[in-house]
Amino acid sequence: GLVQAGGSLRLSCGISGFKDDDYAIGWFRQAPGKERE
């Protein structure tokens, strides 16, 4: 969503169909015109 600089936000990621108990979860972001990081 939209937040002012200095504010806070919490993102959620729901996972389904992935039965392995050992895994990695990554959060990535991509700004316009920039590579995903």
PDB file of all heavy atoms in Angstrom:
ATOM      1  N   GLY A   1       0.816  -1.194   0.000  1.00  0.00           N
ATOM      2  CA  GLY A   1       0.000   0.000   0.000  1.00  0.00           C
ATOM      3  C   GLY A   1       0.850   1.244   0.000  1.00  0.00           C
ATOM      4  O   GLY A   1       2.041   1.203  -0.298  1.00  0.00           O
ATOM      5  N   LEU A   2       0.219   2.342   0.335  1.00  0.00           N
ATOM      6  CA  LEU A   2       0.873   3.637   0.381  1.00  0.00           C
ATOM      7  C   LEU A   2       1.199   3.998   1.817  1.00  0.00           C
ATOM      8  O   LEU A   2       0.342   3.918   2.698  1.00  0.00           O
ATOM      9  CB  LEU A   2      -0.035   4.707  -0.232  1.00  0.00           C
ATOM     10  CG  LEU A   2       0.443   6.157  -0.143  1.00  0.00           C
ATOM     11  CD1 LEU A   2       1.720   6.346  -0.949  1.00  0.00           C
ATOM     12  CD2 LEU A   2      -0.646   7.095  -0.632  1.00  0.00           C
ATOM     13  N   VAL A   3       2.431   4.406   2.055  1.00  0.00           N
ATOM     14  CA  VAL A   3       2.865   4.786   3.390  1.00  0.00           C
ATOM     15  C   VAL A   3       3.811   5.976   3.273  1.00  0.00           C
ATOM     16  O   VAL A   3       4.544   6.105   2.291  1.00  0.00           O
ATOM     17  CB  VAL A   3       3.544   3.593   4.110  1.00  0.00           C
ATOM     18  CG1 VAL A   3       4.804   3.160   3.374  1.00  0.00           C
ATOM     19  CG2 VAL A   3       3.837   3.918   5.559  1.00  0.00           C
ATOM     20  N   GLN A   4       3.771   6.850   4.255  1.00  0.00           N
ATOM     21  CA  GLN A   4       4.698   7.974   4.280  1.00  0.00           C
ATOM     22  C   GLN A   4       6.080   7.521   4.721  1.00  0.00           C
ATOM     23  O   GLN A   4       6.229   6.559   5.473  1.00  0.00           O
ATOM     24  CB  GLN A   4       4.204   9.059   5.226  1.00  0.00           C
ATOM     25  CG  GLN A   4       3.049   9.878   4.701  1.00  0.00           C
ATOM     26  CD  GLN A   4       2.751  11.064   5.581  1.00  0.00           C
ATOM     27  OE1 GLN A   4       2.645  10.934   6.794  1.00  0.00           O
ATOM     28  NE2 GLN A   4       2.626  12.231   4.971  1.00  0.00           N
ATOM     29  N   ALA A   5       7.094   8.212   4.237  1.00  0.00           N
ATOM     30  CA  ALA A   5       8.450   7.942   4.688  1.00  0.00           C
ATOM     31  C   ALA A   5       8.518   8.006   6.209  1.00  0.00           C
ATOM     32  O   ALA A   5       7.966   8.920   6.826  1.00  0.00           O
ATOM     33  CB  ALA A   5       9.419   8.933   4.064  1.00  0.00           C
ATOM     34  N   GLY A   6       9.194   7.029   6.792  1.00  0.00           N
ATOM     35  CA  GLY A   6       9.255   6.910   8.237  1.00  0.00           C
ATOM     36  C   GLY A   6       8.185   6.016   8.823  1.00  0.00           C
ATOM     37  O   GLY A   6       8.270   5.655  10.003  1.00  0.00           O
ATOM     38  N   GLY A   7       7.202   5.643   8.023  1.00  0.00           N
ATOM     39  CA  GLY A   7       6.135   4.791   8.482  1.00  0.00           C
ATOM     40  C   GLY A   7       6.474   3.321   8.375  1.00  0.00           C
ATOM     41  O   GLY A   7       7.591   2.941   8.008  1.00  0.00           O
ATOM     42  N   SER A   8       5.483   2.491   8.682  1.00  0.00           N
ATOM     43  CA  SER A   8       5.676   1.049   8.725  1.00  0.00           C
ATOM     44  C   SER A   8       4.612   0.337   7.907  1.00  0.00           C
ATOM     45  O   SER A   8       3.514   0.846   7.702  1.00  0.00           O
ATOM     46  CB  SER A   8       5.616   0.541  10.171  1.00  0.00           C
ATOM     47  OG  SER A   8       6.653   1.082  10.961  1.00  0.00           O
ATOM     48  N   LEU A   9       4.958  -0.858   7.484  1.00  0.00           N
ATOM     49  CA  LEU A   9       4.058  -1.692   6.720  1.00  0.00           C
ATOM     50  C   LEU A   9       4.456  -3.141   6.953  1.00  0.00           C
ATOM     51  O   LEU A   9       5.651  -3.433   7.097  1.00  0.00           O
ATOM     52  CB  LEU A   9       4.158  -1.346   5.236  1.00  0.00           C
ATOM     53  CG  LEU A   9       2.984  -1.599   4.296  1.00  0.00           C
ATOM     54  CD1 LEU A   9       1.763  -0.798   4.727  1.00  0.00           C
ATOM     55  CD2 LEU A   9       3.378  -1.221   2.878  1.00  0.00           C
ATOM     56  N   ARG A  10       3.482  -4.028   7.002  1.00  0.00           N
ATOM     57  CA  ARG A  10       3.778  -5.448   7.123  1.00  0.00           C
ATOM     58  C   ARG A  10       3.208  -6.202   5.931  1.00  0.00           C
ATOM     59  O   ARG A  10       2.007  -6.157   5.670  1.00  0.00           O
ATOM     60  CB  ARG A  10       3.219  -6.045   8.417  1.00  0.00           C
ATOM     61  CG  ARG A  10       3.709  -7.480   8.646  1.00  0.00           C
ATOM     62  CD  ARG A  10       3.251  -8.079   9.957  1.00  0.00           C
ATOM     63  NE  ARG A  10       1.888  -8.581   9.890  1.00  0.00           N
ATOM     64  CZ  ARG A  10       1.386  -9.481  10.736  1.00  0.00           C
ATOM     65  NH1 ARG A  10       2.130  -9.958  11.724  1.00  0.00           N
ATOM     66  NH2 ARG A  10       0.134  -9.868  10.597  1.00  0.00           N
ATOM     67  N   LEU A  11       4.078  -6.901   5.231  1.00  0.00           N
ATOM     68  CA  LEU A  11       3.679  -7.740   4.122  1.00  0.00           C
ATOM     69  C   LEU A  11       3.509  -9.178   4.586  1.00  0.00           C
ATOM     70  O   LEU A  11       4.213  -9.639   5.485  1.00  0.00           O
ATOM     71  CB  LEU A  11       4.722  -7.695   3.006  1.00  0.00           C
ATOM     72  CG  LEU A  11       5.121  -6.314   2.481  1.00  0.00           C
ATOM     73  CD1 LEU A  11       6.114  -6.455   1.341  1.00  0.00           C
ATOM     74  CD2 LEU A  11       3.899  -5.519   2.051  1.00  0.00           C
ATOM     75  N   SER A  12       2.588  -9.884   3.950  1.00  0.00           N
ATOM     76  CA  SER A  12       2.349 -11.280   4.258  1.00  0.00           C
ATOM     77  C   SER A  12       2.510 -12.114   3.001  1.00  0.00           C
ATOM     78  O   SER A  12       2.229 -11.653   1.892  1.00  0.00           O
ATOM     79  CB  SER A  12       0.943 -11.489   4.822  1.00  0.00           C
ATOM     80  OG  SER A  12       0.749 -10.757   6.011  1.00  0.00           O
ATOM     81  N   CYS A  13       2.944 -13.335   3.175  1.00  0.00           N
ATOM     82  CA  CYS A  13       3.074 -14.283   2.080  1.00  0.00           C
ATOM     83  C   CYS A  13       2.467 -15.600   2.518  1.00  0.00           C
ATOM     84  O   CYS A  13       3.007 -16.266   3.410  1.00  0.00           O
ATOM     85  CB  CYS A  13       4.545 -14.463   1.698  1.00  0.00           C
ATOM     86  SG  CYS A  13       4.842 -15.691   0.418  1.00  0.00           S
ATOM     87  N   GLY A  14       1.359 -15.974   1.905  1.00  0.00           N
ATOM     88  CA  GLY A  14       0.732 -17.256   2.171  1.00  0.00           C
ATOM     89  C   GLY A  14       1.255 -18.306   1.212  1.00  0.00           C
ATOM     90  O   GLY A  14       1.331 -18.060   0.009  1.00  0.00           O
ATOM     91  N   ILE A  15       1.611 -19.446   1.734  1.00  0.00           N
ATOM     92  CA  ILE A  15       2.236 -20.508   0.959  1.00  0.00           C
ATOM     93  C   ILE A  15       1.336 -21.734   0.981  1.00  0.00           C
ATOM     94  O   ILE A  15       0.889 -22.164   2.043  1.00  0.00           O
ATOM     95  CB  ILE A  15       3.624 -20.864   1.519  1.00  0.00           C
ATOM     96  CG1 ILE A  15       4.517 -19.633   1.572  1.00  0.00           C
ATOM     97  CG2 ILE A  15       4.273 -21.968   0.690  1.00  0.00           C
ATOM     98  CD1 ILE A  15       5.748 -19.809   2.429  1.00  0.00           C
ATOM     99  N   SER A  16       1.100 -22.319  -0.180  1.00  0.00           N
ATOM    100  CA  SER A  16       0.309 -23.532  -0.281  1.00  0.00           C
ATOM    101  C   SER A  16       0.924 -24.465  -1.307  1.00  0.00           C
ATOM    102  O   SER A  16       1.629 -24.029  -2.214  1.00  0.00           O
ATOM    103  CB  SER A  16      -1.143 -23.226  -0.652  1.00  0.00           C
ATOM    104  OG  SER A  16      -1.225 -22.623  -1.934  1.00  0.00           O
ATOM    105  N   GLY A  17       0.641 -25.757  -1.169  1.00  0.00           N
ATOM    106  CA  GLY A  17       1.114 -26.752  -2.113  1.00  0.00           C
ATOM    107  C   GLY A  17       2.597 -27.059  -2.022  1.00  0.00           C
ATOM    108  O   GLY A  17       3.146 -27.689  -2.931  1.00  0.00           O
ATOM    109  N   PHE A  18       3.239 -26.640  -0.959  1.00  0.00           N
ATOM    110  CA  PHE A  18       4.676 -26.819  -0.787  1.00  0.00           C
ATOM    111  C   PHE A  18       4.872 -27.644   0.468  1.00  0.00           C
ATOM    112  O   PHE A  18       4.814 -27.110   1.580  1.00  0.00           O
ATOM    113  CB  PHE A  18       5.362 -25.462  -0.692  1.00  0.00           C
ATOM    114  CG  PHE A  18       6.859 -25.505  -0.749  1.00  0.00           C
ATOM    115  CD1 PHE A  18       7.505 -25.956  -1.884  1.00  0.00           C
ATOM    116  CD2 PHE A  18       7.616 -25.055   0.316  1.00  0.00           C
ATOM    117  CE1 PHE A  18       8.887 -25.980  -1.953  1.00  0.00           C
ATOM    118  CE2 PHE A  18       8.999 -25.074   0.257  1.00  0.00           C
ATOM    119  CZ  PHE A  18       9.635 -25.541  -0.877  1.00  0.00           C
ATOM    120  N   LYS A  19       5.124 -28.927   0.302  1.00  0.00           N
ATOM    121  CA  LYS A  19       5.085 -29.855   1.422  1.00  0.00           C
ATOM    122  C   LYS A  19       6.400 -30.054   2.144  1.00  0.00           C
ATOM    123  O   LYS A  19       6.418 -30.642   3.222  1.00  0.00           O
ATOM    124  CB  LYS A  19       4.556 -31.214   0.963  1.00  0.00           C
ATOM    125  CG  LYS A  19       5.436 -31.905  -0.072  1.00  0.00           C
ATOM    126  CD  LYS A  19       4.817 -33.228  -0.501  1.00  0.00           C
ATOM    127  CE  LYS A  19       5.678 -33.932  -1.534  1.00  0.00           C
ATOM    128  NZ  LYS A  19       5.061 -35.220  -1.964  1.00  0.00           N
ATOM    129  N   ASP A  20       7.503 -29.591   1.584  1.00  0.00           N
ATOM    130  CA  ASP A  20       8.794 -29.758   2.232  1.00  0.00           C
ATOM    131  C   ASP A  20       8.827 -28.986   3.541  1.00  0.00           C
ATOM    132  O   ASP A  20       8.334 -27.861   3.632  1.00  0.00           O
ATOM    133  CB  ASP A  20       9.928 -29.282   1.341  1.00  0.00           C
ATOM    134  CG  ASP A  20      10.181 -30.193   0.163  1.00  0.00           C
ATOM    135  OD1 ASP A  20       9.669 -31.322   0.167  1.00  0.00           O
ATOM    136  OD2 ASP A  20      10.889 -29.768  -0.768  1.00  0.00           O
ATOM    137  N   ASP A  21       9.435 -29.591   4.543  1.00  0.00           N
ATOM    138  CA  ASP A  21       9.581 -28.936   5.833  1.00  0.00           C
ATOM    139  C   ASP A  21      10.798 -28.029   5.883  1.00  0.00           C
ATOM    140  O   ASP A  21      10.823 -27.070   6.655  1.00  0.00           O
ATOM    141  CB  ASP A  21       9.673 -29.977   6.947  1.00  0.00           C
ATOM    142  CG  ASP A  21       8.374 -30.709   7.179  1.00  0.00           C
ATOM    143  OD1 ASP A  21       7.305 -30.118   6.945  1.00  0.00           O
ATOM    144  OD2 ASP A  21       8.422 -31.879   7.600  1.00  0.00           O
ATOM    145  N   ASP A  22      11.815 -28.334   5.093  1.00  0.00           N
ATOM    146  CA  ASP A  22      13.024 -27.526   5.036  1.00  0.00           C
ATOM    147  C   ASP A  22      13.033 -26.735   3.741  1.00  0.00           C
ATOM    148  O   ASP A  22      13.069 -27.307   2.657  1.00  0.00           O
ATOM    149  CB  ASP A  22      14.279 -28.402   5.126  1.00  0.00           C
ATOM    150  CG  ASP A  22      14.407 -29.101   6.457  1.00  0.00           C
ATOM    151  OD1 ASP A  22      14.006 -28.501   7.475  1.00  0.00           O
ATOM    152  OD2 ASP A  22      14.912 -30.239   6.483  1.00  0.00           O
ATOM    153  N   TYR A  23      13.009 -25.433   3.854  1.00  0.00           N
ATOM    154  CA  TYR A  23      12.986 -24.585   2.677  1.00  0.00           C
ATOM    155  C   TYR A  23      13.467 -23.189   3.047  1.00  0.00           C
ATOM    156  O   TYR A  23      13.667 -22.872   4.210  1.00  0.00           O
ATOM    157  CB  TYR A  23      11.582 -24.522   2.065  1.00  0.00           C
ATOM    158  CG  TYR A  23      10.500 -24.062   3.011  1.00  0.00           C
ATOM    159  CD1 TYR A  23      10.195 -22.717   3.148  1.00  0.00           C
ATOM    160  CD2 TYR A  23       9.771 -24.988   3.753  1.00  0.00           C
ATOM    161  CE1 TYR A  23       9.201 -22.297   4.015  1.00  0.00           C
ATOM    162  CE2 TYR A  23       8.779 -24.577   4.619  1.00  0.00           C
ATOM    163  CZ  TYR A  23       8.496 -23.230   4.744  1.00  0.00           C
ATOM    164  OH  TYR A  23       7.503 -22.822   5.602  1.00  0.00           O
ATOM    165  N   ALA A  24      13.663 -22.382   2.046  1.00  0.00           N
ATOM    166  CA  ALA A  24      13.995 -20.981   2.229  1.00  0.00           C
ATOM    167  C   ALA A  24      12.878 -20.126   1.668  1.00  0.00           C
ATOM    168  O   ALA A  24      12.271 -20.464   0.646  1.00  0.00           O
ATOM    169  CB  ALA A  24      15.317 -20.634   1.549  1.00  0.00           C
ATOM    170  N   ILE A  25      12.615 -19.033   2.342  1.00  0.00           N
ATOM    171  CA  ILE A  25      11.673 -18.032   1.864  1.00  0.00           C
ATOM    172  C   ILE A  25      12.435 -16.724   1.688  1.00  0.00           C
ATOM    173  O   ILE A  25      13.124 -16.274   2.606  1.00  0.00           O
ATOM    174  CB  ILE A  25      10.505 -17.831   2.827  1.00  0.00           C
ATOM    175  CG1 ILE A  25       9.692 -19.115   2.967  1.00  0.00           C
ATOM    176  CG2 ILE A  25       9.622 -16.673   2.354  1.00  0.00           C
ATOM    177  CD1 ILE A  25       8.953 -19.521   1.702  1.00  0.00           C
ATOM    178  N   GLY A  26      12.320 -16.142   0.528  1.00  0.00           N
ATOM    179  CA  GLY A  26      12.969 -14.874   0.255  1.00  0.00           C
ATOM    180  C   GLY A  26      11.965 -13.787  -0.035  1.00  0.00           C
ATOM    181  O   GLY A  26      10.890 -14.042  -0.589  1.00  0.00           O
ATOM    182  N   TRP A  27      12.316 -12.586   0.361  1.00  0.00           N
ATOM    183  CA  TRP A  27      11.568 -11.398  -0.024  1.00  0.00           C
ATOM    184  C   TRP A  27      12.422 -10.583  -0.984  1.00  0.00           C
ATOM    185  O   TRP A  27      13.582 -10.289  -0.693  1.00  0.00           O
ATOM    186  CB  TRP A  27      11.200 -10.546   1.188  1.00  0.00           C
ATOM    187  CG  TRP A  27      10.059 -11.084   1.980  1.00  0.00           C
ATOM    188  CD1 TRP A  27      10.113 -11.814   3.123  1.00  0.00           C
ATOM    189  CD2 TRP A  27       8.667 -10.911   1.682  1.00  0.00           C
ATOM    190  NE1 TRP A  27       8.853 -12.111   3.570  1.00  0.00           N
ATOM    191  CE2 TRP A  27       7.946 -11.571   2.703  1.00  0.00           C
ATOM    192  CE3 TRP A  27       7.968 -10.264   0.661  1.00  0.00           C
ATOM    193  CZ2 TRP A  27       6.552 -11.598   2.726  1.00  0.00           C
ATOM    194  CZ3 TRP A  27       6.584 -10.305   0.685  1.00  0.00           C
ATOM    195  CH2 TRP A  27       5.891 -10.965   1.709  1.00  0.00           C
ATOM    196  N   PHE A  28      11.844 -10.223  -2.097  1.00  0.00           N
ATOM    197  CA  PHE A  28      12.516  -9.451  -3.127  1.00  0.00           C
ATOM    198  C   PHE A  28      11.713  -8.203  -3.430  1.00  0.00           C
ATOM    199  O   PHE A  28      10.524  -8.133  -3.147  1.00  0.00           O
ATOM    200  CB  PHE A  28      12.666 -10.274  -4.411  1.00  0.00           C
ATOM    201  CG  PHE A  28      13.576 -11.462  -4.287  1.00  0.00           C
ATOM    202  CD1 PHE A  28      13.142 -12.622  -3.656  1.00  0.00           C
ATOM    203  CD2 PHE A  28      14.853 -11.429  -4.805  1.00  0.00           C
ATOM    204  CE1 PHE A  28      13.968 -13.720  -3.543  1.00  0.00           C
ATOM    205  CE2 PHE A  28      15.692 -12.517  -4.703  1.00  0.00           C
ATOM    206  CZ  PHE A  28      15.254 -13.666  -4.069  1.00  0.00           C
ATOM    207  N   ARG A  29      12.369  -7.231  -4.018  1.00  0.00           N
ATOM    208  CA  ARG A  29      11.658  -6.052  -4.478  1.00  0.00           C
ATOM    209  C   ARG A  29      12.240  -5.594  -5.807  1.00  0.00           C
ATOM    210  O   ARG A  29      13.406  -5.847  -6.112  1.00  0.00           O
ATOM    211  CB  ARG A  29      11.729  -4.914  -3.462  1.00  0.00           C
ATOM    212  CG  ARG A  29      13.113  -4.315  -3.282  1.00  0.00           C
ATOM    213  CD  ARG A  29      13.119  -3.325  -2.135  1.00  0.00           C
ATOM    214  NE  ARG A  29      14.430  -2.740  -1.933  1.00  0.00           N
ATOM    215  CZ  ARG A  29      14.786  -2.066  -0.853  1.00  0.00           C
ATOM    216  NH1 ARG A  29      13.917  -1.883   0.141  1.00  0.00           N
ATOM    217  NH2 ARG A  29      16.012  -1.560  -0.750  1.00  0.00           N
ATOM    218  N   GLN A  30      11.402  -4.929  -6.576  1.00  0.00           N
ATOM    219  CA  GLN A  30      11.826  -4.392  -7.852  1.00  0.00           C
ATOM    220  C   GLN A  30      11.200  -3.015  -8.035  1.00  0.00           C
ATOM    221  O   GLN A  30       9.981  -2.886  -8.078  1.00  0.00           O
ATOM    222  CB  GLN A  30      11.436  -5.309  -9.003  1.00  0.00           C
ATOM    223  CG  GLN A  30      12.007  -4.871 -10.339  1.00  0.00           C
ATOM    224  CD  GLN A  30      11.905  -5.945 -11.392  1.00  0.00           C
ATOM    225  OE1 GLN A  30      11.081  -6.842 -11.300  1.00  0.00           O
ATOM    226  NE2 GLN A  30      12.759  -5.853 -12.403  1.00  0.00           N
ATOM    227  N   ALA A  31      12.060  -2.021  -8.132  1.00  0.00           N
ATOM    228  CA  ALA A  31      11.617  -0.666  -8.407  1.00  0.00           C
ATOM    229  C   ALA A  31      11.556  -0.457  -9.912  1.00  0.00           C
ATOM    230  O   ALA A  31      12.249  -1.143 -10.670  1.00  0.00           O
ATOM    231  CB  ALA A  31      12.565   0.339  -7.764  1.00  0.00           C
ATOM    232  N   PRO A  32      10.738   0.487 -10.377  1.00  0.00           N
ATOM    233  CA  PRO A  32      10.659   0.738 -11.817  1.00  0.00           C
ATOM    234  C   PRO A  32      12.025   1.050 -12.422  1.00  0.00           C
ATOM    235  O   PRO A  32      12.771   1.877 -11.904  1.00  0.00           O
ATOM    236  CB  PRO A  32       9.725   1.946 -11.911  1.00  0.00           C
ATOM    237  CG  PRO A  32       8.886   1.857 -10.683  1.00  0.00           C
ATOM    238  CD  PRO A  32       9.799   1.328  -9.621  1.00  0.00           C
ATOM    239  N   GLY A  33      12.354   0.360 -13.506  1.00  0.00           N
ATOM    240  CA  GLY A  33      13.610   0.581 -14.188  1.00  0.00           C
ATOM    241  C   GLY A  33      14.825  -0.022 -13.524  1.00  0.00           C
ATOM    242  O   GLY A  33      15.945   0.187 -14.008  1.00  0.00           O
ATOM    243  N   LYS A  34      14.635  -0.762 -12.436  1.00  0.00           N
ATOM    244  CA  LYS A  34      15.752  -1.358 -11.726  1.00  0.00           C
ATOM    245  C   LYS A  34      15.605  -2.874 -11.666  1.00  0.00           C
ATOM    246  O   LYS A  34      14.517  -3.410 -11.840  1.00  0.00           O
ATOM    247  CB  LYS A  34      15.858  -0.790 -10.309  1.00  0.00           C
ATOM    248  CG  LYS A  34      16.188   0.687 -10.261  1.00  0.00           C
ATOM    249  CD  LYS A  34      16.419   1.147  -8.841  1.00  0.00           C
ATOM    250  CE  LYS A  34      16.817   2.605  -8.797  1.00  0.00           C
ATOM    251  NZ  LYS A  34      17.067   3.058  -7.404  1.00  0.00           N
ATOM    252  N   GLU A  35      16.713  -3.542 -11.413  1.00  0.00           N
ATOM    253  CA  GLU A  35      16.702  -4.987 -11.294  1.00  0.00           C
ATOM    254  C   GLU A  35      16.104  -5.416  -9.964  1.00  0.00           C
ATOM    255  O   GLU A  35      16.172  -4.697  -8.970  1.00  0.00           O
ATOM    256  CB  GLU A  35      18.119  -5.546 -11.432  1.00  0.00           C
ATOM    257  CG  GLU A  35      18.739  -5.345 -12.800  1.00  0.00           C
ATOM    258  CD  GLU A  35      20.093  -5.995 -12.923  1.00  0.00           C
ATOM    259  OE1 GLU A  35      20.615  -6.500 -11.905  1.00  0.00           O
ATOM    260  OE2 GLU A  35      20.634  -6.012 -14.036  1.00  0.00           O
ATOM    261  N   ARG A  36      15.546  -6.603  -9.974  1.00  0.00           N
ATOM    262  CA  ARG A  36      15.028  -7.185  -8.753  1.00  0.00           C
ATOM    263  C   ARG A  36      16.174  -7.482  -7.787  1.00  0.00           C
ATOM    264  O   ARG A  36      17.232  -7.949  -8.203  1.00  0.00           O
ATOM    265  CB  ARG A  36      14.281  -8.471  -9.091  1.00  0.00           C
ATOM    266  CG  ARG A  36      13.566  -9.132  -7.940  1.00  0.00           C
ATOM    267  CD  ARG A  36      12.793 -10.338  -8.433  1.00  0.00           C
ATOM    268  NE  ARG A  36      13.681 -11.327  -9.021  1.00  0.00           N
ATOM    269  CZ  ARG A  36      13.283 -12.302  -9.830  1.00  0.00           C
ATOM    270  NH1 ARG A  36      12.005 -12.409 -10.164  1.00  0.00           N
ATOM    271  NH2 ARG A  36      14.161 -13.167 -10.312  1.00  0.00           N
ATOM    272  N   GLU A  37      15.960  -7.224  -6.504  1.00  0.00           N
ATOM    273  CA  GLU A  37      16.992  -7.471  -5.516  1.00  0.00           C
ATOM    274  C   GLU A  37      16.414  -8.203  -4.309  1.00  0.00           C
ATOM    275  O   GLU A  37      15.263  -7.988  -3.928  1.00  0.00           O
ATOM    276  CB  GLU A  37      17.655  -6.168  -5.072  1.00  0.00           C
ATOM    277  CG  GLU A  37      16.731  -5.191  -4.376  1.00  0.00           C
ATOM    278  CD  GLU A  37      17.432  -3.918  -3.944  1.00  0.00           C
ATOM    279  OE1 GLU A  37      18.679  -3.866  -3.990  1.00  0.00           O
ATOM    280  OE2 GLU A  37      16.730  -2.964  -3.554  1.00  0.00           O
TER     281      GLU A  37
END
